[in-house]
Amino acid sequence: MFDFNNPFYRPLWKRVAVVALPGTWGAFEFVAGSPFWGVLFCGAAALAFHGLFIAFEPRDTDVDSKDEE
Protein backbone atom coordinates (compact mmCIF):
# COMPACT_ATOMS: atom_id res chain seq x y z
CA MET A 1 0.00 0.00 0.00
CA PHE A 2 2.83 2.41 0.84
CA ASP A 3 6.18 2.53 -0.94
CA PHE A 4 8.54 3.30 1.92
CA ASN A 5 11.58 2.44 -0.24
CA ASN A 6 10.98 5.43 -2.49
CA PRO A 7 14.09 7.66 -2.83
CA PHE A 8 11.95 10.56 -1.53
CA TYR A 9 12.41 9.16 1.99
CA ARG A 10 16.21 9.01 1.80
CA PRO A 11 16.81 12.16 3.95
CA LEU A 12 16.57 11.38 7.65
CA TRP A 13 14.55 14.48 8.50
CA LYS A 14 11.72 13.39 6.17
CA ARG A 15 11.55 9.94 7.76
CA VAL A 16 11.52 11.44 11.26
CA ALA A 17 8.77 13.88 10.28
CA VAL A 18 6.60 11.16 8.71
CA VAL A 19 6.81 9.15 11.95
CA ALA A 20 6.63 12.05 14.42
CA LEU A 21 3.60 13.84 13.03
CA PRO A 22 1.05 11.02 13.30
CA GLY A 23 2.63 9.86 16.57
CA THR A 24 2.25 13.29 18.09
CA TRP A 25 -1.28 13.63 16.80
CA GLY A 26 -2.14 10.19 18.20
CA ALA A 27 -0.84 11.21 21.63
CA PHE A 28 -2.92 14.40 21.41
CA GLU A 29 -6.02 12.36 20.61
CA PHE A 30 -5.45 10.14 23.66
CA VAL A 31 -5.09 13.21 25.89
CA ALA A 32 -8.22 14.74 24.34
CA GLY A 33 -10.20 11.62 25.21
CA SER A 34 -10.55 10.01 21.77
CA PRO A 35 -8.96 6.57 22.08
CA PHE A 36 -10.16 5.37 18.65
CA TRP A 37 -8.34 8.15 16.80
CA GLY A 38 -5.36 7.81 19.13
CA VAL A 39 -4.98 4.14 18.27
CA LEU A 40 -5.46 4.88 14.57
CA PHE A 41 -2.79 7.57 14.40
CA CYS A 42 -0.32 5.76 16.68
CA GLY A 43 -0.79 2.66 14.53
CA ALA A 44 0.01 4.70 11.43
CA ALA A 45 3.13 6.03 13.18
CA ALA A 46 4.17 2.48 14.11
CA LEU A 47 3.68 1.31 10.52
CA ALA A 48 5.73 4.24 9.23
CA PHE A 49 8.46 3.60 11.82
CA HIS A 50 8.79 0.00 10.71
CA GLY A 51 8.79 0.88 7.03
CA LEU A 52 11.14 3.86 7.29
CA PHE A 53 13.63 2.75 9.95
CA ILE A 54 13.59 -1.03 10.39
CA ALA A 55 12.94 -2.33 6.85
CA PHE A 56 14.21 0.73 4.93
CA GLU A 57 16.20 -0.05 1.77
CA PRO A 58 15.84 2.91 -0.63
CA ARG A 59 16.04 2.22 -4.34
CA ASP A 60 18.81 3.88 -6.31
CA THR A 61 17.41 6.12 -9.03
CA ASP A 62 20.53 5.73 -11.21
CA VAL A 63 20.18 1.93 -11.57
CA ASP A 64 17.90 2.16 -14.61
CA SER A 65 20.30 4.37 -16.57
CA LYS A 66 23.27 2.10 -15.80
CA ASP A 67 21.44 -0.97 -17.09
CA GLU A 68 21.03 0.59 -20.55
CA GLU A 69 24.80 0.92 -21.09
PDB file of N, CA and C in Angstrom:
ATOM      1  N   MET A   1       0.822  -1.182   0.000  1.00  0.00           N
ATOM      2  CA  MET A   1       0.000   0.000   0.000  1.00  0.00           C
ATOM      3  C   MET A   1       0.874   1.258   0.000  1.00  0.00           C
ATOM      4  N   PHE A   2       1.929   1.266   0.800  1.00  0.00           N
ATOM      5  CA  PHE A   2       2.832   2.409   0.844  1.00  0.00           C
ATOM      6  C   PHE A   2       4.200   1.971   0.342  1.00  0.00           C
ATOM      7  N   ASP A   3       4.849   2.825  -0.432  1.00  0.00           N
ATOM      8  CA  ASP A   3       6.181   2.525  -0.944  1.00  0.00           C
ATOM      9  C   ASP A   3       7.209   3.272  -0.094  1.00  0.00           C
ATOM     10  N   PHE A   4       7.590   2.659   1.018  1.00  0.00           N
ATOM     11  CA  PHE A   4       8.541   3.304   1.919  1.00  0.00           C
ATOM     12  C   PHE A   4       9.972   3.266   1.381  1.00  0.00           C
ATOM     13  N   ASN A   5      10.238   2.506   0.337  1.00  0.00           N
ATOM     14  CA  ASN A   5      11.575   2.438  -0.239  1.00  0.00           C
ATOM     15  C   ASN A   5      11.773   3.455  -1.357  1.00  0.00           C
ATOM     16  N   ASN A   6      10.871   4.379  -1.505  1.00  0.00           N
ATOM     17  CA  ASN A   6      10.985   5.435  -2.491  1.00  0.00           C
ATOM     18  C   ASN A   6      12.165   6.336  -2.135  1.00  0.00           C
ATOM     19  N   PRO A   7      12.948   6.775  -3.124  1.00  0.00           N
ATOM     20  CA  PRO A   7      14.087   7.661  -2.828  1.00  0.00           C
ATOM     21  C   PRO A   7      13.691   8.980  -2.165  1.00  0.00           C
ATOM     22  N   PHE A   8      12.427   9.349  -2.213  1.00  0.00           N
ATOM     23  CA  PHE A   8      11.954  10.561  -1.535  1.00  0.00           C
ATOM     24  C   PHE A   8      12.253  10.505  -0.042  1.00  0.00           C
ATOM     25  N   TYR A   9      12.209   9.313   0.548  1.00  0.00           N
ATOM     26  CA  TYR A   9      12.406   9.156   1.991  1.00  0.00           C
ATOM     27  C   TYR A   9      13.868   8.993   2.388  1.00  0.00           C
ATOM     28  N   ARG A  10      14.802   9.180   1.486  1.00  0.00           N
ATOM     29  CA  ARG A  10      16.214   9.013   1.803  1.00  0.00           C
ATOM     30  C   ARG A  10      16.717   9.975   2.891  1.00  0.00           C
ATOM     31  N   PRO A  11      16.347  11.273   2.873  1.00  0.00           N
ATOM     32  CA  PRO A  11      16.808  12.165   3.955  1.00  0.00           C
ATOM     33  C   PRO A  11      16.187  11.784   5.302  1.00  0.00           C
ATOM     34  N   LEU A  12      17.010  11.782   6.320  1.00  0.00           N
ATOM     35  CA  LEU A  12      16.570  11.375   7.651  1.00  0.00           C
ATOM     36  C   LEU A  12      15.465  12.277   8.187  1.00  0.00           C
ATOM     37  N   TRP A  13      15.534  13.569   7.937  1.00  0.00           N
ATOM     38  CA  TRP A  13      14.545  14.482   8.503  1.00  0.00           C
ATOM     39  C   TRP A  13      13.149  14.192   7.972  1.00  0.00           C
ATOM     40  N   LYS A  14      13.039  13.724   6.724  1.00  0.00           N
ATOM     41  CA  LYS A  14      11.722  13.393   6.173  1.00  0.00           C
ATOM     42  C   LYS A  14      11.157  12.145   6.842  1.00  0.00           C
ATOM     43  N   ARG A  15      12.011  11.159   7.091  1.00  0.00           N
ATOM     44  CA  ARG A  15      11.549   9.943   7.756  1.00  0.00           C
ATOM     45  C   ARG A  15      11.122  10.237   9.186  1.00  0.00           C
ATOM     46  N   VAL A  16      11.878  11.072   9.880  1.00  0.00           N
ATOM     47  CA  VAL A  16      11.520  11.439  11.256  1.00  0.00           C
ATOM     48  C   VAL A  16      10.192  12.195  11.271  1.00  0.00           C
ATOM     49  N   ALA A  17      10.003  13.106  10.329  1.00  0.00           N
ATOM     50  CA  ALA A  17       8.768  13.884  10.279  1.00  0.00           C
ATOM     51  C   ALA A  17       7.558  12.994   9.984  1.00  0.00           C
ATOM     52  N   VAL A  18       7.717  12.038   9.073  1.00  0.00           N
ATOM     53  CA  VAL A  18       6.601  11.161   8.712  1.00  0.00           C
ATOM     54  C   VAL A  18       6.198  10.278   9.891  1.00  0.00           C
ATOM     55  N   VAL A  19       7.131   9.955  10.760  1.00  0.00           N
ATOM     56  CA  VAL A  19       6.814   9.153  11.945  1.00  0.00           C
ATOM     57  C   VAL A  19       6.327  10.042  13.087  1.00  0.00           C
ATOM     58  N   ALA A  20       6.940  11.191  13.272  1.00  0.00           N
ATOM     59  CA  ALA A  20       6.631  12.045  14.424  1.00  0.00           C
ATOM     60  C   ALA A  20       5.262  12.716  14.328  1.00  0.00           C
ATOM     61  N   LEU A  21       4.870  13.129  13.149  1.00  0.00           N
ATOM     62  CA  LEU A  21       3.596  13.845  13.030  1.00  0.00           C
ATOM     63  C   LEU A  21       2.393  12.983  13.416  1.00  0.00           C
ATOM     64  N   PRO A  22       2.208  11.802  12.848  1.00  0.00           N
ATOM     65  CA  PRO A  22       1.046  11.017  13.301  1.00  0.00           C
ATOM     66  C   PRO A  22       1.196  10.515  14.735  1.00  0.00           C
ATOM     67  N   GLY A  23       2.425  10.273  15.182  1.00  0.00           N
ATOM     68  CA  GLY A  23       2.625   9.855  16.566  1.00  0.00           C
ATOM     69  C   GLY A  23       2.239  10.936  17.552  1.00  0.00           C
ATOM     70  N   THR A  24       2.614  12.155  17.246  1.00  0.00           N
ATOM     71  CA  THR A  24       2.250  13.293  18.092  1.00  0.00           C
ATOM     72  C   THR A  24       0.746  13.529  18.074  1.00  0.00           C
ATOM     73  N   TRP A  25       0.160  13.429  16.890  1.00  0.00           N
ATOM     74  CA  TRP A  25      -1.283  13.626  16.797  1.00  0.00           C
ATOM     75  C   TRP A  25      -2.031  12.514  17.537  1.00  0.00           C
ATOM     76  N   GLY A  26      -1.527  11.292  17.460  1.00  0.00           N
ATOM     77  CA  GLY A  26      -2.142  10.191  18.196  1.00  0.00           C
ATOM     78  C   GLY A  26      -2.092  10.416  19.698  1.00  0.00           C
ATOM     79  N   ALA A  27      -0.956  10.901  20.200  1.00  0.00           N
ATOM     80  CA  ALA A  27      -0.844  11.211  21.627  1.00  0.00           C
ATOM     81  C   ALA A  27      -1.816  12.321  22.011  1.00  0.00           C
ATOM     82  N   PHE A  28      -1.950  13.330  21.154  1.00  0.00           N
ATOM     83  CA  PHE A  28      -2.917  14.403  21.408  1.00  0.00           C
ATOM     84  C   PHE A  28      -4.338  13.853  21.491  1.00  0.00           C
ATOM     85  N   GLU A  29      -4.671  12.935  20.602  1.00  0.00           N
ATOM     86  CA  GLU A  29      -6.022  12.361  20.611  1.00  0.00           C
ATOM     87  C   GLU A  29      -6.288  11.574  21.899  1.00  0.00           C
ATOM     88  N   PHE A  30      -5.287  10.857  22.382  1.00  0.00           N
ATOM     89  CA  PHE A  30      -5.454  10.142  23.655  1.00  0.00           C
ATOM     90  C   PHE A  30      -5.702  11.128  24.796  1.00  0.00           C
ATOM     91  N   VAL A  31      -4.934  12.211  24.834  1.00  0.00           N
ATOM     92  CA  VAL A  31      -5.090  13.213  25.891  1.00  0.00           C
ATOM     93  C   VAL A  31      -6.461  13.901  25.783  1.00  0.00           C
ATOM     94  N   ALA A  32      -6.933  14.089  24.560  1.00  0.00           N
ATOM     95  CA  ALA A  32      -8.223  14.743  24.341  1.00  0.00           C
ATOM     96  C   ALA A  32      -9.403  13.816  24.629  1.00  0.00           C
ATOM     97  N   GLY A  33      -9.130  12.543  24.860  1.00  0.00           N
ATOM     98  CA  GLY A  33     -10.204  11.620  25.206  1.00  0.00           C
ATOM     99  C   GLY A  33     -10.805  10.868  24.041  1.00  0.00           C
ATOM    100  N   SER A  34     -10.068  10.741  22.944  1.00  0.00           N
ATOM    101  CA  SER A  34     -10.551  10.015  21.772  1.00  0.00           C
ATOM    102  C   SER A  34      -9.645   8.816  21.510  1.00  0.00           C
ATOM    103  N   PRO A  35      -9.871   7.708  22.222  1.00  0.00           N
ATOM    104  CA  PRO A  35      -8.960   6.573  22.076  1.00  0.00           C
ATOM    105  C   PRO A  35      -8.986   5.928  20.694  1.00  0.00           C
ATOM    106  N   PHE A  36     -10.118   5.962  19.992  1.00  0.00           N
ATOM    107  CA  PHE A  36     -10.163   5.374  18.649  1.00  0.00           C
ATOM    108  C   PHE A  36      -9.181   6.069  17.726  1.00  0.00           C
ATOM    109  N   TRP A  37      -9.232   7.404  17.681  1.00  0.00           N
ATOM    110  CA  TRP A  37      -8.339   8.151  16.805  1.00  0.00           C
ATOM    111  C   TRP A  37      -6.890   8.069  17.293  1.00  0.00           C
ATOM    112  N   GLY A  38      -6.707   7.976  18.598  1.00  0.00           N
ATOM    113  CA  GLY A  38      -5.359   7.815  19.131  1.00  0.00           C
ATOM    114  C   GLY A  38      -4.728   6.514  18.673  1.00  0.00           C
ATOM    115  N   VAL A  39      -5.489   5.431  18.737  1.00  0.00           N
ATOM    116  CA  VAL A  39      -4.978   4.137  18.269  1.00  0.00           C
ATOM    117  C   VAL A  39      -4.724   4.172  16.769  1.00  0.00           C
ATOM    118  N   LEU A  40      -5.609   4.801  16.017  1.00  0.00           N
ATOM    119  CA  LEU A  40      -5.457   4.875  14.569  1.00  0.00           C
ATOM    120  C   LEU A  40      -4.180   5.616  14.177  1.00  0.00           C
ATOM    121  N   PHE A  41      -3.964   6.786  14.759  1.00  0.00           N
ATOM    122  CA  PHE A  41      -2.786   7.574  14.401  1.00  0.00           C
ATOM    123  C   PHE A  41      -1.494   6.968  14.947  1.00  0.00           C
ATOM    124  N   CYS A  42      -1.524   6.414  16.152  1.00  0.00           N
ATOM    125  CA  CYS A  42      -0.322   5.760  16.680  1.00  0.00           C
ATOM    126  C   CYS A  42       0.005   4.500  15.885  1.00  0.00           C
ATOM    127  N   GLY A  43      -1.023   3.815  15.400  1.00  0.00           N
ATOM    128  CA  GLY A  43      -0.790   2.662  14.530  1.00  0.00           C
ATOM    129  C   GLY A  43      -0.157   3.069  13.213  1.00  0.00           C
ATOM    130  N   ALA A  44      -0.601   4.187  12.664  1.00  0.00           N
ATOM    131  CA  ALA A  44       0.013   4.700  11.434  1.00  0.00           C
ATOM    132  C   ALA A  44       1.470   5.081  11.676  1.00  0.00           C
ATOM    133  N   ALA A  45       1.755   5.666  12.837  1.00  0.00           N
ATOM    134  CA  ALA A  45       3.132   6.027  13.176  1.00  0.00           C
ATOM    135  C   ALA A  45       3.988   4.775  13.344  1.00  0.00           C
ATOM    136  N   ALA A  46       3.428   3.729  13.945  1.00  0.00           N
ATOM    137  CA  ALA A  46       4.172   2.479  14.113  1.00  0.00           C
ATOM    138  C   ALA A  46       4.454   1.828  12.766  1.00  0.00           C
ATOM    139  N   LEU A  47       3.482   1.853  11.872  1.00  0.00           N
ATOM    140  CA  LEU A  47       3.684   1.309  10.525  1.00  0.00           C
ATOM    141  C   LEU A  47       4.764   2.089   9.785  1.00  0.00           C
ATOM    142  N   ALA A  48       4.718   3.404   9.879  1.00  0.00           N
ATOM    143  CA  ALA A  48       5.728   4.240   9.226  1.00  0.00           C
ATOM    144  C   ALA A  48       7.105   4.018   9.845  1.00  0.00           C
ATOM    145  N   PHE A  49       7.176   3.854  11.163  1.00  0.00           N
ATOM    146  CA  PHE A  49       8.461   3.602  11.818  1.00  0.00           C
ATOM    147  C   PHE A  49       9.081   2.306  11.308  1.00  0.00           C
ATOM    148  N   HIS A  50       8.268   1.276  11.208  1.00  0.00           N
ATOM    149  CA  HIS A  50       8.787  -0.003  10.714  1.00  0.00           C
ATOM    150  C   HIS A  50       9.253   0.121   9.270  1.00  0.00           C
ATOM    151  N   GLY A  51       8.448   0.759   8.440  1.00  0.00           N
ATOM    152  CA  GLY A  51       8.791   0.880   7.029  1.00  0.00           C
ATOM    153  C   GLY A  51       9.952   1.810   6.752  1.00  0.00           C
ATOM    154  N   LEU A  52      10.124   2.847   7.572  1.00  0.00           N
ATOM    155  CA  LEU A  52      11.140   3.859   7.293  1.00  0.00           C
ATOM    156  C   LEU A  52      12.428   3.711   8.096  1.00  0.00           C
ATOM    157  N   PHE A  53      12.421   2.894   9.152  1.00  0.00           N
ATOM    158  CA  PHE A  53      13.626   2.745   9.947  1.00  0.00           C
ATOM    159  C   PHE A  53      14.096   1.297  10.067  1.00  0.00           C
ATOM    160  N   ILE A  54      13.193   0.363  10.184  1.00  0.00           N
ATOM    161  CA  ILE A  54      13.595  -1.032  10.386  1.00  0.00           C
ATOM    162  C   ILE A  54      13.817  -1.734   9.048  1.00  0.00           C
ATOM    163  N   ALA A  55      12.866  -1.613   8.130  1.00  0.00           N
ATOM    164  CA  ALA A  55      12.943  -2.329   6.853  1.00  0.00           C
ATOM    165  C   ALA A  55      13.283  -1.390   5.697  1.00  0.00           C
ATOM    166  N   PHE A  56      13.954  -0.299   5.948  1.00  0.00           N
ATOM    167  CA  PHE A  56      14.209   0.726   4.929  1.00  0.00           C
ATOM    168  C   PHE A  56      15.398   0.359   4.062  1.00  0.00           C
ATOM    169  N   GLU A  57      15.151   0.197   2.773  1.00  0.00           N
ATOM    170  CA  GLU A  57      16.197  -0.046   1.771  1.00  0.00           C
ATOM    171  C   GLU A  57      15.848   0.776   0.535  1.00  0.00           C
ATOM    172  N   PRO A  58      16.264   2.049   0.488  1.00  0.00           N
ATOM    173  CA  PRO A  58      15.840   2.908  -0.626  1.00  0.00           C
ATOM    174  C   PRO A  58      16.404   2.428  -1.964  1.00  0.00           C
ATOM    175  N   ARG A  59      15.589   2.562  -2.995  1.00  0.00           N
ATOM    176  CA  ARG A  59      16.040   2.222  -4.345  1.00  0.00           C
ATOM    177  C   ARG A  59      16.955   3.315  -4.850  1.00  0.00           C
ATOM    178  N   ASP A  60      17.907   2.924  -5.684  1.00  0.00           N
ATOM    179  CA  ASP A  60      18.806   3.882  -6.307  1.00  0.00           C
ATOM    180  C   ASP A  60      18.181   4.330  -7.616  1.00  0.00           C
ATOM    181  N   THR A  61      18.050   5.626  -7.832  1.00  0.00           N
ATOM    182  CA  THR A  61      17.407   6.122  -9.030  1.00  0.00           C
ATOM    183  C   THR A  61      18.301   6.004 -10.265  1.00  0.00           C
ATOM    184  N   ASP A  62      19.615   5.821 -10.087  1.00  0.00           N
ATOM    185  CA  ASP A  62      20.535   5.726 -11.210  1.00  0.00           C
ATOM    186  C   ASP A  62      20.665   4.296 -11.751  1.00  0.00           C
ATOM    187  N   VAL A  63      20.042   3.322 -11.135  1.00  0.00           N
ATOM    188  CA  VAL A  63      20.178   1.932 -11.566  1.00  0.00           C
ATOM    189  C   VAL A  63      19.632   1.732 -12.957  1.00  0.00           C
ATOM    190  N   ASP A  64      18.508   2.342 -13.292  1.00  0.00           N
ATOM    191  CA  ASP A  64      17.901   2.162 -14.606  1.00  0.00           C
ATOM    192  C   ASP A  64      18.798   2.689 -15.725  1.00  0.00           C
ATOM    193  N   SER A  65      19.445   3.807 -15.514  1.00  0.00           N
ATOM    194  CA  SER A  65      20.297   4.374 -16.565  1.00  0.00           C
ATOM    195  C   SER A  65      21.579   3.566 -16.737  1.00  0.00           C
ATOM    196  N   LYS A  66      22.071   2.907 -15.687  1.00  0.00           N
ATOM    197  CA  LYS A  66      23.273   2.098 -15.798  1.00  0.00           C
ATOM    198  C   LYS A  66      23.003   0.786 -16.517  1.00  0.00           C
ATOM    199  N   ASP A  67      21.769   0.280 -16.430  1.00  0.00           N
ATOM    200  CA  ASP A  67      21.443  -0.975 -17.094  1.00  0.00           C
ATOM    201  C   ASP A  67      21.387  -0.825 -18.596  1.00  0.00           C
ATOM    202  N   GLU A  68      21.142   0.365 -19.110  1.00  0.00           N
ATOM    203  CA  GLU A  68      21.031   0.585 -20.550  1.00  0.00           C
ATOM    204  C   GLU A  68      22.381   0.613 -21.233  1.00  0.00           C
ATOM    205  N   GLU A  69      23.458   0.817 -20.488  1.00  0.00           N
ATOM    206  CA  GLU A  69      24.796   0.922 -21.095  1.00  0.00           C
ATOM    207  C   GLU A  69      25.334  -0.409 -21.497  1.00  0.00           C
TER     208      GLU A  69
END
